[in-house]
PDB file of N, CA and C in Angstrom:
ATOM      1  N   UNK A   1      10.977 -10.283  -4.746  1.00  0.00           N
ATOM      2  CA  UNK A   1      11.759  -9.053  -4.737  1.00  0.00           C
ATOM      3  C   UNK A   1      10.817  -7.861  -4.888  1.00  0.00           C
ATOM      4  N   UNK A   2      11.070  -6.830  -4.128  1.00  0.00           N
ATOM      5  CA  UNK A   2      10.250  -5.629  -4.193  1.00  0.00           C
ATOM      6  C   UNK A   2      10.735  -4.718  -5.309  1.00  0.00           C
ATOM      7  N   UNK A   3       9.799  -3.995  -5.867  1.00  0.00           N
ATOM      8  CA  UNK A   3      10.098  -3.043  -6.941  1.00  0.00           C
ATOM      9  C   UNK A   3       9.533  -1.688  -6.535  1.00  0.00           C
ATOM     10  N   UNK A   4      10.343  -0.651  -6.714  1.00  0.00           N
ATOM     11  CA  UNK A   4       9.976   0.707  -6.305  1.00  0.00           C
ATOM     12  C   UNK A   4       9.995   1.614  -7.530  1.00  0.00           C
ATOM     13  N   UNK A   5       8.877   2.316  -7.754  1.00  0.00           N
ATOM     14  CA  UNK A   5       8.769   3.210  -8.907  1.00  0.00           C
ATOM     15  C   UNK A   5       8.168   4.532  -8.445  1.00  0.00           C
ATOM     16  N   UNK A   6       8.737   5.637  -8.935  1.00  0.00           N
ATOM     17  CA  UNK A   6       8.147   6.966  -8.746  1.00  0.00           C
ATOM     18  C   UNK A   6       7.463   7.336 -10.046  1.00  0.00           C
ATOM     19  N   UNK A   7       6.206   7.753  -9.966  1.00  0.00           N
ATOM     20  CA  UNK A   7       5.459   8.166 -11.146  1.00  0.00           C
ATOM     21  C   UNK A   7       5.187   9.664 -11.021  1.00  0.00           C
ATOM     22  N   UNK A   8       5.756  10.449 -11.934  1.00  0.00           N
ATOM     23  CA  UNK A   8       5.537  11.897 -11.929  1.00  0.00           C
ATOM     24  C   UNK A   8       4.054  12.152 -12.176  1.00  0.00           C
ATOM     25  N   UNK A   9       3.397  12.815 -11.231  1.00  0.00           N
ATOM     26  CA  UNK A   9       1.954  13.036 -11.302  1.00  0.00           C
ATOM     27  C   UNK A   9       1.577  13.862 -12.524  1.00  0.00           C
ATOM     28  N   UNK A  10       2.382  14.862 -12.875  1.00  0.00           N
ATOM     29  CA  UNK A  10       2.062  15.758 -13.993  1.00  0.00           C
ATOM     30  C   UNK A  10       2.322  15.122 -15.352  1.00  0.00           C
ATOM     31  N   UNK A  11       3.413  14.365 -15.476  1.00  0.00           N
ATOM     32  CA  UNK A  11       3.825  13.867 -16.793  1.00  0.00           C
ATOM     33  C   UNK A  11       3.614  12.377 -16.998  1.00  0.00           C
ATOM     34  N   UNK A  12       3.456  11.623 -15.902  1.00  0.00           N
ATOM     35  CA  UNK A  12       3.336  10.172 -16.007  1.00  0.00           C
ATOM     36  C   UNK A  12       4.674   9.465 -16.164  1.00  0.00           C
ATOM     37  N   UNK A  13       5.761  10.243 -16.220  1.00  0.00           N
ATOM     38  CA  UNK A  13       7.090   9.647 -16.366  1.00  0.00           C
ATOM     39  C   UNK A  13       7.389   8.754 -15.157  1.00  0.00           C
ATOM     40  N   UNK A  14       7.917   7.571 -15.444  1.00  0.00           N
ATOM     41  CA  UNK A  14       8.186   6.581 -14.406  1.00  0.00           C
ATOM     42  C   UNK A  14       9.693   6.455 -14.187  1.00  0.00           C
ATOM     43  N   UNK A  15      10.099   6.460 -12.920  1.00  0.00           N
ATOM     44  CA  UNK A  15      11.500   6.296 -12.556  1.00  0.00           C
ATOM     45  C   UNK A  15      11.598   5.137 -11.587  1.00  0.00           C
ATOM     46  N   UNK A  16      12.283   4.080 -12.006  1.00  0.00           N
ATOM     47  CA  UNK A  16      12.460   2.930 -11.123  1.00  0.00           C
ATOM     48  C   UNK A  16      13.633   3.207 -10.182  1.00  0.00           C
ATOM     49  N   UNK A  17      13.446   2.907  -8.910  1.00  0.00           N
ATOM     50  CA  UNK A  17      14.485   3.087  -7.900  1.00  0.00           C
ATOM     51  C   UNK A  17      15.062   1.708  -7.599  1.00  0.00           C
ATOM     52  N   UNK A  18      16.301   1.489  -8.042  1.00  0.00           N
ATOM     53  CA  UNK A  18      16.957   0.199  -7.843  1.00  0.00           C
ATOM     54  C   UNK A  18      18.132   0.294  -6.882  1.00  0.00           C
ATOM     55  N   UNK A  19      18.569   1.512  -6.619  1.00  0.00           N
ATOM     56  CA  UNK A  19      19.686   1.775  -5.708  1.00  0.00           C
ATOM     57  C   UNK A  19      19.514   3.196  -5.185  1.00  0.00           C
ATOM     58  N   UNK A  20      20.443   3.656  -4.355  1.00  0.00           N
ATOM     59  CA  UNK A  20      20.345   5.017  -3.832  1.00  0.00           C
ATOM     60  C   UNK A  20      20.166   5.996  -4.991  1.00  0.00           C
ATOM     61  N   UNK A  21      19.256   6.950  -4.806  1.00  0.00           N
ATOM     62  CA  UNK A  21      18.913   7.899  -5.859  1.00  0.00           C
ATOM     63  C   UNK A  21      18.826   9.279  -5.236  1.00  0.00           C
ATOM     64  N   UNK A  22      19.661  10.207  -5.705  1.00  0.00           N
ATOM     65  CA  UNK A  22      19.629  11.583  -5.238  1.00  0.00           C
ATOM     66  C   UNK A  22      18.803  12.407  -6.214  1.00  0.00           C
ATOM     67  N   UNK A  23      17.923  13.261  -5.657  1.00  0.00           N
ATOM     68  CA  UNK A  23      17.049  14.102  -6.471  1.00  0.00           C
ATOM     69  C   UNK A  23      17.434  15.562  -6.234  1.00  0.00           C
ATOM     70  N   UNK A  24      17.575  16.325  -7.314  1.00  0.00           N
ATOM     71  CA  UNK A  24      17.922  17.730  -7.171  1.00  0.00           C
ATOM     72  C   UNK A  24      17.662  18.515  -8.438  1.00  0.00           C
ATOM     73  N   UNK A  25      17.763  19.835  -8.316  1.00  0.00           N
ATOM     74  CA  UNK A  25      17.549  20.713  -9.465  1.00  0.00           C
ATOM     75  C   UNK A  25      18.739  20.689 -10.416  1.00  0.00           C
ATOM     76  N   UNK A  26      19.948  20.567  -9.873  1.00  0.00           N
ATOM     77  CA  UNK A  26      21.150  20.559 -10.720  1.00  0.00           C
ATOM     78  C   UNK A  26      21.960  19.285 -10.540  1.00  0.00           C
ATOM     79  N   UNK A  27      22.038  18.827  -9.309  1.00  0.00           N
ATOM     80  CA  UNK A  27      22.867  17.664  -9.005  1.00  0.00           C
ATOM     81  C   UNK A  27      21.960  16.501  -8.632  1.00  0.00           C
ATOM     82  N   UNK A  28      22.327  15.336  -9.087  1.00  0.00           N
ATOM     83  CA  UNK A  28      21.578  14.164  -8.675  1.00  0.00           C
ATOM     84  C   UNK A  28      21.381  13.180  -9.798  1.00  0.00           C
ATOM     85  N   UNK A  29      20.851  12.044  -9.399  1.00  0.00           N
ATOM     86  CA  UNK A  29      20.546  10.986 -10.352  1.00  0.00           C
ATOM     87  C   UNK A  29      19.238  11.288 -11.085  1.00  0.00           C
ATOM     88  N   UNK A  30      18.346  12.002 -10.392  1.00  0.00           N
ATOM     89  CA  UNK A  30      17.086  12.447 -10.984  1.00  0.00           C
ATOM     90  C   UNK A  30      17.068  13.966 -10.895  1.00  0.00           C
ATOM     91  N   UNK A  31      17.258  14.629 -12.041  1.00  0.00           N
ATOM     92  CA  UNK A  31      17.306  16.095 -12.092  1.00  0.00           C
ATOM     93  C   UNK A  31      15.909  16.601 -12.411  1.00  0.00           C
ATOM     94  N   UNK A  32      15.438  17.568 -11.593  1.00  0.00           N
ATOM     95  CA  UNK A  32      14.080  18.084 -11.682  1.00  0.00           C
ATOM     96  C   UNK A  32      14.131  19.558 -12.079  1.00  0.00           C
ATOM     97  N   UNK A  33      13.404  19.913 -13.117  1.00  0.00           N
ATOM     98  CA  UNK A  33      13.331  21.303 -13.570  1.00  0.00           C
ATOM     99  C   UNK A  33      12.236  22.008 -12.773  1.00  0.00           C
ATOM    100  N   UNK A  34      12.590  22.434 -11.560  1.00  0.00           N
ATOM    101  CA  UNK A  34      11.641  23.067 -10.638  1.00  0.00           C
ATOM    102  C   UNK A  34      12.449  24.033  -9.780  1.00  0.00           C
ATOM    103  N   UNK A  35      12.174  25.325  -9.908  1.00  0.00           N
ATOM    104  CA  UNK A  35      12.949  26.352  -9.197  1.00  0.00           C
ATOM    105  C   UNK A  35      12.854  26.223  -7.680  1.00  0.00           C
ATOM    106  N   UNK A  36      11.834  25.520  -7.167  1.00  0.00           N
ATOM    107  CA  UNK A  36      11.679  25.360  -5.728  1.00  0.00           C
ATOM    108  C   UNK A  36      12.404  24.134  -5.176  1.00  0.00           C
ATOM    109  N   UNK A  37      13.022  23.366  -6.054  1.00  0.00           N
ATOM    110  CA  UNK A  37      13.805  22.202  -5.648  1.00  0.00           C
ATOM    111  C   UNK A  37      15.253  22.649  -5.472  1.00  0.00           C
ATOM    112  N   UNK A  38      15.862  22.262  -4.360  1.00  0.00           N
ATOM    113  CA  UNK A  38      17.259  22.614  -4.092  1.00  0.00           C
ATOM    114  C   UNK A  38      18.180  21.883  -5.068  1.00  0.00           C
ATOM    115  N   UNK A  39      19.407  22.388  -5.188  1.00  0.00           N
ATOM    116  CA  UNK A  39      20.364  21.751  -6.093  1.00  0.00           C
ATOM    117  C   UNK A  39      20.506  20.272  -5.784  1.00  0.00           C
ATOM    118  N   UNK A  40      20.654  19.928  -4.515  1.00  0.00           N
ATOM    119  CA  UNK A  40      20.635  18.544  -4.050  1.00  0.00           C
ATOM    120  C   UNK A  40      19.577  18.513  -2.954  1.00  0.00           C
ATOM    121  N   UNK A  41      18.407  17.986  -3.251  1.00  0.00           N
ATOM    122  CA  UNK A  41      17.226  18.168  -2.411  1.00  0.00           C
ATOM    123  C   UNK A  41      16.947  16.995  -1.463  1.00  0.00           C
ATOM    124  N   UNK A  42      16.908  15.782  -2.025  1.00  0.00           N
ATOM    125  CA  UNK A  42      16.512  14.622  -1.232  1.00  0.00           C
ATOM    126  C   UNK A  42      17.178  13.366  -1.769  1.00  0.00           C
ATOM    127  N   UNK A  43      17.127  12.325  -0.947  1.00  0.00           N
ATOM    128  CA  UNK A  43      17.695  11.039  -1.363  1.00  0.00           C
ATOM    129  C   UNK A  43      16.694   9.936  -1.077  1.00  0.00           C
ATOM    130  N   UNK A  44      16.615   8.996  -2.010  1.00  0.00           N
ATOM    131  CA  UNK A  44      15.849   7.782  -1.806  1.00  0.00           C
ATOM    132  C   UNK A  44      16.840   6.639  -1.681  1.00  0.00           C
ATOM    133  N   UNK A  45      16.561   5.720  -0.745  1.00  0.00           N
ATOM    134  CA  UNK A  45      17.411   4.538  -0.650  1.00  0.00           C
ATOM    135  C   UNK A  45      16.553   3.362  -0.226  1.00  0.00           C
ATOM    136  N   UNK A  46      16.996   2.202  -0.619  1.00  0.00           N
ATOM    137  CA  UNK A  46      16.310   0.971  -0.254  1.00  0.00           C
ATOM    138  C   UNK A  46      17.016   0.403   0.962  1.00  0.00           C
ATOM    139  N   UNK A  47      16.228   0.182   2.025  1.00  0.00           N
ATOM    140  CA  UNK A  47      16.771  -0.314   3.294  1.00  0.00           C
ATOM    141  C   UNK A  47      15.897  -1.476   3.754  1.00  0.00           C
ATOM    142  N   UNK A  48      16.450  -2.672   3.777  1.00  0.00           N
ATOM    143  CA  UNK A  48      15.746  -3.880   4.231  1.00  0.00           C
ATOM    144  C   UNK A  48      14.402  -4.055   3.516  1.00  0.00           C
ATOM    145  N   UNK A  49      14.391  -3.813   2.220  1.00  0.00           N
ATOM    146  CA  UNK A  49      13.188  -4.017   1.438  1.00  0.00           C
ATOM    147  C   UNK A  49      12.171  -2.895   1.539  1.00  0.00           C
ATOM    148  N   UNK A  50      12.547  -1.780   2.127  1.00  0.00           N
ATOM    149  CA  UNK A  50      11.672  -0.607   2.250  1.00  0.00           C
ATOM    150  C   UNK A  50      12.312   0.563   1.512  1.00  0.00           C
ATOM    151  N   UNK A  51      11.483   1.496   1.058  1.00  0.00           N
ATOM    152  CA  UNK A  51      11.970   2.693   0.369  1.00  0.00           C
ATOM    153  C   UNK A  51      11.957   3.849   1.356  1.00  0.00           C
ATOM    154  N   UNK A  52      13.121   4.453   1.538  1.00  0.00           N
ATOM    155  CA  UNK A  52      13.295   5.515   2.533  1.00  0.00           C
ATOM    156  C   UNK A  52      13.627   6.831   1.836  1.00  0.00           C
ATOM    157  N   UNK A  53      12.901   7.890   2.197  1.00  0.00           N
ATOM    158  CA  UNK A  53      13.137   9.242   1.692  1.00  0.00           C
ATOM    159  C   UNK A  53      13.830  10.046   2.776  1.00  0.00           C
ATOM    160  N   UNK A  54      14.935  10.710   2.419  1.00  0.00           N
ATOM    161  CA  UNK A  54      15.637  11.596   3.352  1.00  0.00           C
ATOM    162  C   UNK A  54      15.760  12.971   2.724  1.00  0.00           C
ATOM    163  N   UNK A  55      15.278  13.994   3.441  1.00  0.00           N
ATOM    164  CA  UNK A  55      15.459  15.369   3.001  1.00  0.00           C
ATOM    165  C   UNK A  55      16.903  15.760   3.299  1.00  0.00           C
ATOM    166  N   UNK A  56      17.587  16.330   2.321  1.00  0.00           N
ATOM    167  CA  UNK A  56      18.999  16.692   2.467  1.00  0.00           C
ATOM    168  C   UNK A  56      19.148  18.164   2.848  1.00  0.00           C
ATOM    169  N   UNK A  57      18.400  18.556   3.893  1.00  0.00           N
ATOM    170  CA  UNK A  57      18.418  19.931   4.396  1.00  0.00           C
ATOM    171  C   UNK A  57      18.080  20.922   3.287  1.00  0.00           C
ATOM    172  N   UNK A  58      17.071  20.569   2.492  1.00  0.00           N
ATOM    173  CA  UNK A  58      16.642  21.426   1.395  1.00  0.00           C
ATOM    174  C   UNK A  58      16.001  22.701   1.932  1.00  0.00           C
ATOM    175  N   UNK A  59      16.024  23.730   1.125  1.00  0.00           N
ATOM    176  CA  UNK A  59      15.465  25.024   1.518  1.00  0.00           C
ATOM    177  C   UNK A  59      13.950  24.950   1.710  1.00  0.00           C
ATOM    178  N   UNK A  60      13.245  24.285   0.811  1.00  0.00           N
ATOM    179  CA  UNK A  60      11.784  24.271   0.844  1.00  0.00           C
ATOM    180  C   UNK A  60      11.178  22.991   1.407  1.00  0.00           C
ATOM    181  N   UNK A  61      12.008  22.047   1.786  1.00  0.00           N
ATOM    182  CA  UNK A  61      11.514  20.832   2.420  1.00  0.00           C
ATOM    183  C   UNK A  61      11.016  19.779   1.452  1.00  0.00           C
ATOM    184  N   UNK A  62      10.785  18.597   2.014  1.00  0.00           N
ATOM    185  CA  UNK A  62      10.236  17.451   1.296  1.00  0.00           C
ATOM    186  C   UNK A  62       8.946  17.064   2.007  1.00  0.00           C
ATOM    187  N   UNK A  63       7.944  16.659   1.234  1.00  0.00           N
ATOM    188  CA  UNK A  63       6.625  16.380   1.790  1.00  0.00           C
ATOM    189  C   UNK A  63       6.134  15.007   1.353  1.00  0.00           C
ATOM    190  N   UNK A  64       5.463  14.317   2.255  1.00  0.00           N
ATOM    191  CA  UNK A  64       4.810  13.042   1.960  1.00  0.00           C
ATOM    192  C   UNK A  64       3.348  13.199   2.357  1.00  0.00           C
ATOM    193  N   UNK A  65       2.463  13.013   1.393  1.00  0.00           N
ATOM    194  CA  UNK A  65       1.019  13.179   1.618  1.00  0.00           C
ATOM    195  C   UNK A  65       0.708  14.503   2.321  1.00  0.00           C
ATOM    196  N   UNK A  66       1.416  15.565   1.904  1.00  0.00           N
ATOM    197  CA  UNK A  66       1.160  16.901   2.417  1.00  0.00           C
ATOM    198  C   UNK A  66       1.845  17.242   3.727  1.00  0.00           C
ATOM    199  N   UNK A  67       2.535  16.297   4.338  1.00  0.00           N
ATOM    200  CA  UNK A  67       3.228  16.555   5.605  1.00  0.00           C
ATOM    201  C   UNK A  67       4.726  16.665   5.363  1.00  0.00           C
ATOM    202  N   UNK A  68       5.315  17.691   5.954  1.00  0.00           N
ATOM    203  CA  UNK A  68       6.758  17.903   5.804  1.00  0.00           C
ATOM    204  C   UNK A  68       7.533  16.779   6.503  1.00  0.00           C
ATOM    205  N   UNK A  69       8.541  16.265   5.821  1.00  0.00           N
ATOM    206  CA  UNK A  69       9.393  15.201   6.349  1.00  0.00           C
ATOM    207  C   UNK A  69      10.555  15.832   7.091  1.00  0.00           C
ATOM    208  N   UNK A  70      10.775  15.401   8.294  1.00  0.00           N
ATOM    209  CA  UNK A  70      11.929  15.831   9.074  1.00  0.00           C
ATOM    210  C   UNK A  70      12.864  14.635   9.171  1.00  0.00           C
ATOM    211  N   UNK A  71      14.046  14.761   8.590  1.00  0.00           N
ATOM    212  CA  UNK A  71      14.970  13.625   8.585  1.00  0.00           C
ATOM    213  C   UNK A  71      14.562  12.623   7.530  1.00  0.00           C
ATOM    214  N   UNK A  72      14.391  11.366   7.959  1.00  0.00           N
ATOM    215  CA  UNK A  72      14.059  10.287   7.027  1.00  0.00           C
ATOM    216  C   UNK A  72      12.651   9.771   7.276  1.00  0.00           C
ATOM    217  N   UNK A  73      12.079   9.181   6.213  1.00  0.00           N
ATOM    218  CA  UNK A  73      10.707   8.680   6.286  1.00  0.00           C
ATOM    219  C   UNK A  73      10.589   7.483   5.351  1.00  0.00           C
ATOM    220  N   UNK A  74      10.083   6.351   5.862  1.00  0.00           N
ATOM    221  CA  UNK A  74       9.824   5.199   5.005  1.00  0.00           C
ATOM    222  C   UNK A  74       8.523   5.438   4.251  1.00  0.00           C
ATOM    223  N   UNK A  75       8.536   5.113   2.960  1.00  0.00           N
ATOM    224  CA  UNK A  75       7.393   5.366   2.093  1.00  0.00           C
ATOM    225  C   UNK A  75       6.557   4.112   1.905  1.00  0.00           C
ATOM    226  N   UNK A  76       5.253   4.318   1.721  1.00  0.00           N
ATOM    227  CA  UNK A  76       4.319   3.234   1.473  1.00  0.00           C
ATOM    228  C   UNK A  76       3.721   3.378   0.088  1.00  0.00           C
ATOM    229  N   UNK A  77       3.261   2.275  -0.467  1.00  0.00           N
ATOM    230  CA  UNK A  77       2.629   2.269  -1.773  1.00  0.00           C
ATOM    231  C   UNK A  77       1.468   3.261  -1.802  1.00  0.00           C
ATOM    232  N   UNK A  78       1.420   4.074  -2.863  1.00  0.00           N
ATOM    233  CA  UNK A  78       0.329   5.010  -3.059  1.00  0.00           C
ATOM    234  C   UNK A  78       0.547   6.390  -2.464  1.00  0.00           C
ATOM    235  N   UNK A  79       1.598   6.552  -1.658  1.00  0.00           N
ATOM    236  CA  UNK A  79       1.842   7.869  -1.080  1.00  0.00           C
ATOM    237  C   UNK A  79       2.313   8.844  -2.156  1.00  0.00           C
ATOM    238  N   UNK A  80       2.106  10.134  -1.891  1.00  0.00           N
ATOM    239  CA  UNK A  80       2.532  11.195  -2.802  1.00  0.00           C
ATOM    240  C   UNK A  80       3.700  11.944  -2.166  1.00  0.00           C
ATOM    241  N   UNK A  81       4.817  12.001  -2.895  1.00  0.00           N
ATOM    242  CA  UNK A  81       6.009  12.734  -2.471  1.00  0.00           C
ATOM    243  C   UNK A  81       6.040  14.034  -3.267  1.00  0.00           C
ATOM    244  N   UNK A  82       6.245  15.157  -2.542  1.00  0.00           N
ATOM    245  CA  UNK A  82       6.349  16.453  -3.220  1.00  0.00           C
ATOM    246  C   UNK A  82       7.652  17.130  -2.839  1.00  0.00           C
ATOM    247  N   UNK A  83       8.409  17.515  -3.859  1.00  0.00           N
ATOM    248  CA  UNK A  83       9.615  18.334  -3.703  1.00  0.00           C
ATOM    249  C   UNK A  83       9.364  19.574  -4.546  1.00  0.00           C
ATOM    250  N   UNK A  84       9.389  20.750  -3.942  1.00  0.00           N
ATOM    251  CA  UNK A  84       9.021  21.967  -4.663  1.00  0.00           C
ATOM    252  C   UNK A  84       7.584  21.841  -5.125  1.00  0.00           C
ATOM    253  N   UNK A  85       7.342  22.040  -6.417  1.00  0.00           N
ATOM    254  CA  UNK A  85       6.003  21.886  -6.986  1.00  0.00           C
ATOM    255  C   UNK A  85       5.852  20.556  -7.727  1.00  0.00           C
ATOM    256  N   UNK A  86       6.883  19.713  -7.677  1.00  0.00           N
ATOM    257  CA  UNK A  86       6.872  18.447  -8.398  1.00  0.00           C
ATOM    258  C   UNK A  86       6.405  17.330  -7.471  1.00  0.00           C
ATOM    259  N   UNK A  87       5.473  16.516  -7.987  1.00  0.00           N
ATOM    260  CA  UNK A  87       4.913  15.431  -7.190  1.00  0.00           C
ATOM    261  C   UNK A  87       5.095  14.091  -7.899  1.00  0.00           C
ATOM    262  N   UNK A  88       5.335  13.060  -7.079  1.00  0.00           N
ATOM    263  CA  UNK A  88       5.424  11.694  -7.570  1.00  0.00           C
ATOM    264  C   UNK A  88       4.529  10.802  -6.728  1.00  0.00           C
ATOM    265  N   UNK A  89       3.890   9.861  -7.370  1.00  0.00           N
ATOM    266  CA  UNK A  89       3.167   8.812  -6.657  1.00  0.00           C
ATOM    267  C   UNK A  89       4.128   7.636  -6.501  1.00  0.00           C
ATOM    268  N   UNK A  90       4.162   7.056  -5.307  1.00  0.00           N
ATOM    269  CA  UNK A  90       5.027   5.922  -5.013  1.00  0.00           C
ATOM    270  C   UNK A  90       4.294   4.636  -5.371  1.00  0.00           C
ATOM    271  N   UNK A  91       4.937   3.787  -6.175  1.00  0.00           N
ATOM    272  CA  UNK A  91       4.399   2.463  -6.481  1.00  0.00           C
ATOM    273  C   UNK A  91       5.377   1.425  -5.945  1.00  0.00           C
ATOM    274  N   UNK A  92       4.876   0.558  -5.078  1.00  0.00           N
ATOM    275  CA  UNK A  92       5.696  -0.512  -4.504  1.00  0.00           C
ATOM    276  C   UNK A  92       4.987  -1.818  -4.788  1.00  0.00           C
ATOM    277  N   UNK A  93       5.687  -2.730  -5.445  1.00  0.00           N
ATOM    278  CA  UNK A  93       5.119  -4.041  -5.739  1.00  0.00           C
ATOM    279  C   UNK A  93       6.069  -5.113  -5.232  1.00  0.00           C
ATOM    280  N   UNK A  94       5.547  -6.306  -5.037  1.00  0.00           N
ATOM    281  CA  UNK A  94       6.362  -7.423  -4.579  1.00  0.00           C
ATOM    282  C   UNK A  94       6.290  -7.587  -3.076  1.00  0.00           C
ATOM    283  N   UNK A  95       6.868  -8.676  -2.617  1.00  0.00           N
ATOM    284  CA  UNK A  95       6.835  -9.019  -1.197  1.00  0.00           C
ATOM    285  C   UNK A  95       8.055  -8.506  -0.472  1.00  0.00           C
ATOM    286  N   UNK A  96       7.878  -8.283   0.827  1.00  0.00           N
ATOM    287  CA  UNK A  96       9.014  -7.948   1.688  1.00  0.00           C
ATOM    288  C   UNK A  96       9.956  -9.137   1.741  1.00  0.00           C
ATOM    289  N   UNK A  97      11.258  -8.902   1.930  1.00  0.00           N
ATOM    290  CA  UNK A  97      12.185 -10.011   2.115  1.00  0.00           C
ATOM    291  C   UNK A  97      11.766 -10.819   3.343  1.00  0.00           C
ATOM    292  N   UNK A  98      12.156 -12.080   3.407  1.00  0.00           N
ATOM    293  CA  UNK A  98      11.831 -12.935   4.542  1.00  0.00           C
ATOM    294  C   UNK A  98      12.228 -12.276   5.848  1.00  0.00           C
ATOM    295  N   UNK A  99      11.305 -12.286   6.802  1.00  0.00           N
ATOM    296  CA  UNK A  99      11.595 -11.699   8.110  1.00  0.00           C
ATOM    297  C   UNK A  99      11.465 -10.200   8.141  1.00  0.00           C
ATOM    298  N   UNK A 100      11.091  -9.571   7.006  1.00  0.00           N
ATOM    299  CA  UNK A 100      10.958  -8.125   6.966  1.00  0.00           C
ATOM    300  C   UNK A 100       9.713  -7.652   7.688  1.00  0.00           C
ATOM    301  N   UNK A 101       9.730  -6.429   8.101  1.00  0.00           N
ATOM    302  CA  UNK A 101       8.604  -5.812   8.779  1.00  0.00           C
ATOM    303  C   UNK A 101       8.225  -4.553   8.041  1.00  0.00           C
ATOM    304  N   UNK A 102       6.957  -4.403   7.728  1.00  0.00           N
ATOM    305  CA  UNK A 102       6.499  -3.202   7.034  1.00  0.00           C
ATOM    306  C   UNK A 102       6.482  -2.032   8.025  1.00  0.00           C
ATOM    307  N   UNK A 103       7.111  -0.945   7.668  1.00  0.00           N
ATOM    308  CA  UNK A 103       7.240   0.220   8.564  1.00  0.00           C
ATOM    309  C   UNK A 103       6.537   1.393   7.910  1.00  0.00           C
ATOM    310  N   UNK A 104       5.742   2.105   8.685  1.00  0.00           N
ATOM    311  CA  UNK A 104       5.121   3.332   8.205  1.00  0.00           C
ATOM    312  C   UNK A 104       5.593   4.465   9.077  1.00  0.00           C
ATOM    313  N   UNK A 105       5.775   5.634   8.490  1.00  0.00           N
ATOM    314  CA  UNK A 105       6.170   6.781   9.281  1.00  0.00           C
ATOM    315  C   UNK A 105       7.668   6.980   9.278  1.00  0.00           C
ATOM    316  N   UNK A 106       8.156   7.753  10.253  1.00  0.00           N
ATOM    317  CA  UNK A 106       9.581   8.110  10.294  1.00  0.00           C
ATOM    318  C   UNK A 106      10.472   6.879  10.373  1.00  0.00           C
ATOM    319  N   UNK A 107      11.650   7.010   9.802  1.00  0.00           N
ATOM    320  CA  UNK A 107      12.635   5.936   9.875  1.00  0.00           C
ATOM    321  C   UNK A 107      13.112   5.766  11.294  1.00  0.00           C
ATOM    322  N   UNK A 108      13.642   4.615  11.567  1.00  0.00           N
ATOM    323  CA  UNK A 108      14.189   4.352  12.891  1.00  0.00           C
ATOM    324  C   UNK A 108      15.294   5.360  13.191  1.00  0.00           C
ATOM    325  N   UNK A 109      15.272   5.926  14.371  1.00  0.00           N
ATOM    326  CA  UNK A 109      16.306   6.870  14.778  1.00  0.00           C
ATOM    327  C   UNK A 109      16.098   8.274  14.249  1.00  0.00           C
ATOM    328  N   UNK A 110      14.993   8.508  13.525  1.00  0.00           N
ATOM    329  CA  UNK A 110      14.744   9.851  12.975  1.00  0.00           C
ATOM    330  C   UNK A 110      14.061  10.713  13.997  1.00  0.00           C
TER     331      UNK A 110
END
């Protein structure tokens, strides 16, 4: 089974992603005290053993390794996600489910 964790780069705080997780300044499962983060900024979801980031039409955008995400993007271990001025390092451990394929870059259909 795969395990997905976001590690806040500034604080070291760890957030395990076990189901869909909405990130925002006011609304969401993970509330971020950052004026540049939209009220409901982005969503993380697990899809076929992969962690997918979707920008929810935020004002300032979502970034992976310094590149702005348009639509959805599958994340890889070690990548840095930035929303506003807040950054998280992605930690992914464990094996893909049987028959799974590791995907890098934009999600299918994005």
